[in-house]
Amino acid sequence: MKTYRISFLNELTNDSGHVFHCCQRVIDIRRAKNRDRALEAAKRRFARKEKVAHWSHHAGSFEIEEIDAL
């Protein structure tokens, strides 16, 4: 089993018109068989923590990375 870190992001624009990514929440999935399963678990957890029906209601994108287990 592998550990994955999924960061949920929104794209925002500052006063000068420059676009930047703002992290909404980071979720670690500590035991997943593969990347797809980790992502689906993180999406469900994010939606539950944010109290929304779907993760995309509070984030526009995500980044996923495999990390060393703690």
PDB file of N, CA and C in Angstrom:
ATOM      1  N   MET A   1       0.840  -1.177   0.000  1.00  0.00           N
ATOM      2  CA  MET A   1       0.000   0.000   0.000  1.00  0.00           C
ATOM      3  C   MET A   1       0.887   1.245   0.000  1.00  0.00           C
ATOM      4  N   LYS A   2       0.421   2.258  -0.675  1.00  0.00           N
ATOM      5  CA  LYS A   2       1.179   3.498  -0.791  1.00  0.00           C
ATOM      6  C   LYS A   2       0.436   4.641  -0.108  1.00  0.00           C
ATOM      7  N   THR A   3       1.169   5.707   0.169  1.00  0.00           N
ATOM      8  CA  THR A   3       0.599   6.907   0.768  1.00  0.00           C
ATOM      9  C   THR A   3       0.625   8.027  -0.261  1.00  0.00           C
ATOM     10  N   TYR A   4      -0.498   8.733  -0.362  1.00  0.00           N
ATOM     11  CA  TYR A   4      -0.624   9.823  -1.327  1.00  0.00           C
ATOM     12  C   TYR A   4      -1.060  11.103  -0.624  1.00  0.00           C
ATOM     13  N   ARG A   5      -0.587  12.226  -1.130  1.00  0.00           N
ATOM     14  CA  ARG A   5      -1.002  13.541  -0.643  1.00  0.00           C
ATOM     15  C   ARG A   5      -1.737  14.237  -1.790  1.00  0.00           C
ATOM     16  N   ILE A   6      -2.988  14.631  -1.522  1.00  0.00           N
ATOM     17  CA  ILE A   6      -3.804  15.305  -2.525  1.00  0.00           C
ATOM     18  C   ILE A   6      -4.067  16.717  -2.032  1.00  0.00           C
ATOM     19  N   SER A   7      -3.702  17.698  -2.841  1.00  0.00           N
ATOM     20  CA  SER A   7      -3.926  19.110  -2.526  1.00  0.00           C
ATOM     21  C   SER A   7      -5.052  19.622  -3.403  1.00  0.00           C
ATOM     22  N   PHE A   8      -6.061  20.213  -2.782  1.00  0.00           N
ATOM     23  CA  PHE A   8      -7.195  20.778  -3.500  1.00  0.00           C
ATOM     24  C   PHE A   8      -6.968  22.280  -3.633  1.00  0.00           C
ATOM     25  N   LEU A   9      -7.087  22.793  -4.863  1.00  0.00           N
ATOM     26  CA  LEU A   9      -6.682  24.157  -5.179  1.00  0.00           C
ATOM     27  C   LEU A   9      -7.793  24.951  -5.858  1.00  0.00           C
ATOM     28  N   ASN A  10      -7.706  26.265  -5.704  1.00  0.00           N
ATOM     29  CA  ASN A  10      -8.518  27.188  -6.482  1.00  0.00           C
ATOM     30  C   ASN A  10      -7.587  28.154  -7.187  1.00  0.00           C
ATOM     31  N   GLU A  11      -7.982  28.615  -8.341  1.00  0.00           N
ATOM     32  CA  GLU A  11      -7.215  29.589  -9.099  1.00  0.00           C
ATOM     33  C   GLU A  11      -7.824  30.962  -8.843  1.00  0.00           C
ATOM     34  N   LEU A  12      -7.007  31.892  -8.317  1.00  0.00           N
ATOM     35  CA  LEU A  12      -7.483  33.233  -7.981  1.00  0.00           C
ATOM     36  C   LEU A  12      -6.649  34.275  -8.708  1.00  0.00           C
ATOM     37  N   THR A  13      -7.170  35.482  -8.781  1.00  0.00           N
ATOM     38  CA  THR A  13      -6.467  36.598  -9.408  1.00  0.00           C
ATOM     39  C   THR A  13      -6.226  37.674  -8.365  1.00  0.00           C
ATOM     40  N   ASN A  14      -4.999  38.193  -8.310  1.00  0.00           N
ATOM     41  CA  ASN A  14      -4.702  39.248  -7.341  1.00  0.00           C
ATOM     42  C   ASN A  14      -5.017  40.627  -7.926  1.00  0.00           C
ATOM     43  N   ASP A  15      -4.719  41.678  -7.175  1.00  0.00           N
ATOM     44  CA  ASP A  15      -5.040  43.057  -7.578  1.00  0.00           C
ATOM     45  C   ASP A  15      -4.427  43.460  -8.921  1.00  0.00           C
ATOM     46  N   SER A  16      -3.249  42.926  -9.216  1.00  0.00           N
ATOM     47  CA  SER A  16      -2.573  43.302 -10.455  1.00  0.00           C
ATOM     48  C   SER A  16      -2.920  42.383 -11.624  1.00  0.00           C
ATOM     49  N   GLY A  17      -3.860  41.455 -11.412  1.00  0.00           N
ATOM     50  CA  GLY A  17      -4.305  40.590 -12.489  1.00  0.00           C
ATOM     51  C   GLY A  17      -3.525  39.299 -12.655  1.00  0.00           C
ATOM     52  N   HIS A  18      -2.572  39.057 -11.765  1.00  0.00           N
ATOM     53  CA  HIS A  18      -1.791  37.818 -11.838  1.00  0.00           C
ATOM     54  C   HIS A  18      -2.574  36.669 -11.212  1.00  0.00           C
ATOM     55  N   VAL A  19      -2.550  35.538 -11.878  1.00  0.00           N
ATOM     56  CA  VAL A  19      -3.262  34.346 -11.409  1.00  0.00           C
ATOM     57  C   VAL A  19      -2.334  33.546 -10.497  1.00  0.00           C
ATOM     58  N   PHE A  20      -2.892  33.049  -9.404  1.00  0.00           N
ATOM     59  CA  PHE A  20      -2.136  32.175  -8.520  1.00  0.00           C
ATOM     60  C   PHE A  20      -3.045  31.079  -7.987  1.00  0.00           C
ATOM     61  N   HIS A  21      -2.429  30.000  -7.516  1.00  0.00           N
ATOM     62  CA  HIS A  21      -3.191  28.880  -6.962  1.00  0.00           C
ATOM     63  C   HIS A  21      -3.237  29.008  -5.446  1.00  0.00           C
ATOM     64  N   CYS A  22      -4.407  28.843  -4.909  1.00  0.00           N
ATOM     65  CA  CYS A  22      -4.637  28.926  -3.472  1.00  0.00           C
ATOM     66  C   CYS A  22      -5.060  27.543  -2.979  1.00  0.00           C
ATOM     67  N   CYS A  23      -4.317  27.009  -2.038  1.00  0.00           N
ATOM     68  CA  CYS A  23      -4.630  25.682  -1.516  1.00  0.00           C
ATOM     69  C   CYS A  23      -5.815  25.763  -0.553  1.00  0.00           C
ATOM     70  N   GLN A  24      -6.836  24.982  -0.823  1.00  0.00           N
ATOM     71  CA  GLN A  24      -8.032  24.936   0.021  1.00  0.00           C
ATOM     72  C   GLN A  24      -7.860  23.944   1.167  1.00  0.00           C
ATOM     73  N   ARG A  25      -7.252  22.806   0.871  1.00  0.00           N
ATOM     74  CA  ARG A  25      -7.064  21.764   1.886  1.00  0.00           C
ATOM     75  C   ARG A  25      -6.121  20.704   1.322  1.00  0.00           C
ATOM     76  N   VAL A  26      -5.339  20.090   2.198  1.00  0.00           N
ATOM     77  CA  VAL A  26      -4.468  18.979   1.831  1.00  0.00           C
ATOM     78  C   VAL A  26      -4.962  17.747   2.582  1.00  0.00           C
ATOM     79  N   ILE A  27      -5.099  16.652   1.862  1.00  0.00           N
ATOM     80  CA  ILE A  27      -5.563  15.402   2.463  1.00  0.00           C
ATOM     81  C   ILE A  27      -4.548  14.308   2.149  1.00  0.00           C
ATOM     82  N   ASP A  28      -4.117  13.612   3.198  1.00  0.00           N
ATOM     83  CA  ASP A  28      -3.232  12.462   3.025  1.00  0.00           C
ATOM     84  C   ASP A  28      -4.061  11.190   3.099  1.00  0.00           C
ATOM     85  N   ILE A  29      -3.881  10.341   2.118  1.00  0.00           N
ATOM     86  CA  ILE A  29      -4.491   9.015   2.115  1.00  0.00           C
ATOM     87  C   ILE A  29      -3.349   8.049   2.395  1.00  0.00           C
ATOM     88  N   ARG A  30      -3.365   7.457   3.565  1.00  0.00           N
ATOM     89  CA  ARG A  30      -2.215   6.695   4.054  1.00  0.00           C
ATOM     90  C   ARG A  30      -2.094   5.286   3.493  1.00  0.00           C
ATOM     91  N   ARG A  31      -3.189   4.707   3.050  1.00  0.00           N
ATOM     92  CA  ARG A  31      -3.109   3.337   2.518  1.00  0.00           C
ATOM     93  C   ARG A  31      -4.047   3.204   1.336  1.00  0.00           C
ATOM     94  N   ALA A  32      -3.473   3.216   0.149  1.00  0.00           N
ATOM     95  CA  ALA A  32      -4.279   3.059  -1.059  1.00  0.00           C
ATOM     96  C   ALA A  32      -3.560   2.098  -1.999  1.00  0.00           C
ATOM     97  N   LYS A  33      -4.330   1.279  -2.684  1.00  0.00           N
ATOM     98  CA  LYS A  33      -3.748   0.316  -3.621  1.00  0.00           C
ATOM     99  C   LYS A  33      -3.128   1.005  -4.824  1.00  0.00           C
ATOM    100  N   ASN A  34      -3.735   2.133  -5.229  1.00  0.00           N
ATOM    101  CA  ASN A  34      -3.199   2.849  -6.376  1.00  0.00           C
ATOM    102  C   ASN A  34      -3.628   4.319  -6.332  1.00  0.00           C
ATOM    103  N   ARG A  35      -3.117   5.064  -7.273  1.00  0.00           N
ATOM    104  CA  ARG A  35      -3.346   6.513  -7.353  1.00  0.00           C
ATOM    105  C   ARG A  35      -4.835   6.846  -7.516  1.00  0.00           C
ATOM    106  N   ASP A  36      -5.544   6.117  -8.361  1.00  0.00           N
ATOM    107  CA  ASP A  36      -6.960   6.394  -8.608  1.00  0.00           C
ATOM    108  C   ASP A  36      -7.807   6.204  -7.354  1.00  0.00           C
ATOM    109  N   ARG A  37      -7.529   5.140  -6.617  1.00  0.00           N
ATOM    110  CA  ARG A  37      -8.296   4.895  -5.389  1.00  0.00           C
ATOM    111  C   ARG A  37      -8.008   5.966  -4.341  1.00  0.00           C
ATOM    112  N   ALA A  38      -6.764   6.387  -4.260  1.00  0.00           N
ATOM    113  CA  ALA A  38      -6.406   7.448  -3.317  1.00  0.00           C
ATOM    114  C   ALA A  38      -7.130   8.735  -3.669  1.00  0.00           C
ATOM    115  N   LEU A  39      -7.174   9.065  -4.943  1.00  0.00           N
ATOM    116  CA  LEU A  39      -7.836  10.287  -5.379  1.00  0.00           C
ATOM    117  C   LEU A  39      -9.328  10.256  -5.065  1.00  0.00           C
ATOM    118  N   GLU A  40      -9.986   9.157  -5.347  1.00  0.00           N
ATOM    119  CA  GLU A  40     -11.421   9.060  -5.071  1.00  0.00           C
ATOM    120  C   GLU A  40     -11.707   9.160  -3.575  1.00  0.00           C
ATOM    121  N   ALA A  41     -10.880   8.529  -2.757  1.00  0.00           N
ATOM    122  CA  ALA A  41     -11.050   8.615  -1.304  1.00  0.00           C
ATOM    123  C   ALA A  41     -10.845  10.050  -0.824  1.00  0.00           C
ATOM    124  N   ALA A  42      -9.847  10.727  -1.377  1.00  0.00           N
ATOM    125  CA  ALA A  42      -9.578  12.114  -0.987  1.00  0.00           C
ATOM    126  C   ALA A  42     -10.712  13.046  -1.405  1.00  0.00           C
ATOM    127  N   LYS A  43     -11.264  12.839  -2.584  1.00  0.00           N
ATOM    128  CA  LYS A  43     -12.390  13.661  -3.034  1.00  0.00           C
ATOM    129  C   LYS A  43     -13.584  13.517  -2.096  1.00  0.00           C
ATOM    130  N   ARG A  44     -13.890  12.283  -1.684  1.00  0.00           N
ATOM    131  CA  ARG A  44     -15.001  12.060  -0.749  1.00  0.00           C
ATOM    132  C   ARG A  44     -14.728  12.715   0.600  1.00  0.00           C
ATOM    133  N   ARG A  45     -13.512  12.556   1.109  1.00  0.00           N
ATOM    134  CA  ARG A  45     -13.160  13.138   2.402  1.00  0.00           C
ATOM    135  C   ARG A  45     -13.200  14.667   2.350  1.00  0.00           C
ATOM    136  N   PHE A  46     -12.692  15.237   1.260  1.00  0.00           N
ATOM    137  CA  PHE A  46     -12.710  16.696   1.097  1.00  0.00           C
ATOM    138  C   PHE A  46     -14.145  17.215   1.113  1.00  0.00           C
ATOM    139  N   ALA A  47     -15.028  16.588   0.351  1.00  0.00           N
ATOM    140  CA  ALA A  47     -16.429  17.009   0.296  1.00  0.00           C
ATOM    141  C   ALA A  47     -17.082  16.906   1.677  1.00  0.00           C
ATOM    142  N   ARG A  48     -16.793  15.842   2.387  1.00  0.00           N
ATOM    143  CA  ARG A  48     -17.366  15.660   3.726  1.00  0.00           C
ATOM    144  C   ARG A  48     -16.854  16.735   4.691  1.00  0.00           C
ATOM    145  N   LYS A  49     -15.563  17.015   4.675  1.00  0.00           N
ATOM    146  CA  LYS A  49     -14.989  18.014   5.572  1.00  0.00           C
ATOM    147  C   LYS A  49     -15.476  19.430   5.245  1.00  0.00           C
ATOM    148  N   GLU A  50     -15.680  19.707   3.968  1.00  0.00           N
ATOM    149  CA  GLU A  50     -16.156  21.025   3.540  1.00  0.00           C
ATOM    150  C   GLU A  50     -17.682  21.142   3.589  1.00  0.00           C
ATOM    151  N   LYS A  51     -18.341  20.019   3.872  1.00  0.00           N
ATOM    152  CA  LYS A  51     -19.805  19.964   3.964  1.00  0.00           C
ATOM    153  C   LYS A  51     -20.476  20.391   2.650  1.00  0.00           C
ATOM    154  N   VAL A  52     -19.973  19.801   1.553  1.00  0.00           N
ATOM    155  CA  VAL A  52     -20.543  20.031   0.222  1.00  0.00           C
ATOM    156  C   VAL A  52     -20.846  18.689  -0.425  1.00  0.00           C
ATOM    157  N   ALA A  53     -21.721  18.704  -1.415  1.00  0.00           N
ATOM    158  CA  ALA A  53     -22.115  17.467  -2.086  1.00  0.00           C
ATOM    159  C   ALA A  53     -21.007  16.921  -2.997  1.00  0.00           C
ATOM    160  N   HIS A  54     -20.187  17.812  -3.553  1.00  0.00           N
ATOM    161  CA  HIS A  54     -19.148  17.395  -4.495  1.00  0.00           C
ATOM    162  C   HIS A  54     -17.907  18.241  -4.262  1.00  0.00           C
ATOM    163  N   TRP A  55     -16.741  17.631  -4.354  1.00  0.00           N
ATOM    164  CA  TRP A  55     -15.493  18.335  -4.062  1.00  0.00           C
ATOM    165  C   TRP A  55     -15.307  19.597  -4.903  1.00  0.00           C
ATOM    166  N   SER A  56     -15.807  19.588  -6.140  1.00  0.00           N
ATOM    167  CA  SER A  56     -15.588  20.729  -7.042  1.00  0.00           C
ATOM    168  C   SER A  56     -16.387  21.970  -6.657  1.00  0.00           C
ATOM    169  N   HIS A  57     -17.238  21.867  -5.651  1.00  0.00           N
ATOM    170  CA  HIS A  57     -17.967  23.047  -5.174  1.00  0.00           C
ATOM    171  C   HIS A  57     -17.056  23.981  -4.375  1.00  0.00           C
ATOM    172  N   HIS A  58     -15.916  23.457  -3.878  1.00  0.00           N
ATOM    173  CA  HIS A  58     -15.000  24.279  -3.083  1.00  0.00           C
ATOM    174  C   HIS A  58     -13.573  24.283  -3.614  1.00  0.00           C
ATOM    175  N   ALA A  59     -13.323  23.603  -4.729  1.00  0.00           N
ATOM    176  CA  ALA A  59     -11.987  23.589  -5.321  1.00  0.00           C
ATOM    177  C   ALA A  59     -12.117  23.406  -6.833  1.00  0.00           C
ATOM    178  N   GLY A  60     -11.181  24.002  -7.552  1.00  0.00           N
ATOM    179  CA  GLY A  60     -11.236  23.921  -9.000  1.00  0.00           C
ATOM    180  C   GLY A  60     -10.339  22.849  -9.594  1.00  0.00           C
ATOM    181  N   SER A  61      -9.327  22.445  -8.822  1.00  0.00           N
ATOM    182  CA  SER A  61      -8.398  21.434  -9.323  1.00  0.00           C
ATOM    183  C   SER A  61      -7.727  20.743  -8.140  1.00  0.00           C
ATOM    184  N   PHE A  62      -6.874  19.800  -8.452  1.00  0.00           N
ATOM    185  CA  PHE A  62      -6.145  19.082  -7.414  1.00  0.00           C
ATOM    186  C   PHE A  62      -4.786  18.679  -7.947  1.00  0.00           C
ATOM    187  N   GLU A  63      -3.883  18.427  -7.028  1.00  0.00           N
ATOM    188  CA  GLU A  63      -2.575  17.862  -7.353  1.00  0.00           C
ATOM    189  C   GLU A  63      -2.401  16.636  -6.481  1.00  0.00           C
ATOM    190  N   ILE A  64      -1.819  15.599  -7.032  1.00  0.00           N
ATOM    191  CA  ILE A  64      -1.614  14.367  -6.268  1.00  0.00           C
ATOM    192  C   ILE A  64      -0.148  13.966  -6.367  1.00  0.00           C
ATOM    193  N   GLU A  65       0.395  13.529  -5.215  1.00  0.00           N
ATOM    194  CA  GLU A  65       1.770  13.064  -5.203  1.00  0.00           C
ATOM    195  C   GLU A  65       1.900  11.867  -4.266  1.00  0.00           C
ATOM    196  N   GLU A  66       2.782  10.976  -4.609  1.00  0.00           N
ATOM    197  CA  GLU A  66       3.085   9.843  -3.746  1.00  0.00           C
ATOM    198  C   GLU A  66       4.124  10.298  -2.740  1.00  0.00           C
ATOM    199  N   ILE A  67       3.904   9.991  -1.472  1.00  0.00           N
ATOM    200  CA  ILE A  67       4.853  10.407  -0.443  1.00  0.00           C
ATOM    201  C   ILE A  67       5.304   9.182   0.346  1.00  0.00           C
ATOM    202  N   ASP A  68       6.410   9.335   1.061  1.00  0.00           N
ATOM    203  CA  ASP A  68       6.908   8.257   1.918  1.00  0.00           C
ATOM    204  C   ASP A  68       5.976   8.120   3.113  1.00  0.00           C
ATOM    205  N   ALA A  69       5.627   6.899   3.450  1.00  0.00           N
ATOM    206  CA  ALA A  69       4.767   6.637   4.602  1.00  0.00           C
ATOM    207  C   ALA A  69       5.481   7.075   5.875  1.00  0.00           C
ATOM    208  N   LEU A  70       4.713   7.615   6.795  1.00  0.00           N
ATOM    209  CA  LEU A  70       5.299   8.088   8.063  1.00  0.00           C
ATOM    210  C   LEU A  70       5.452   6.977   9.054  1.00  0.00           C
TER     211      LEU A  70
END
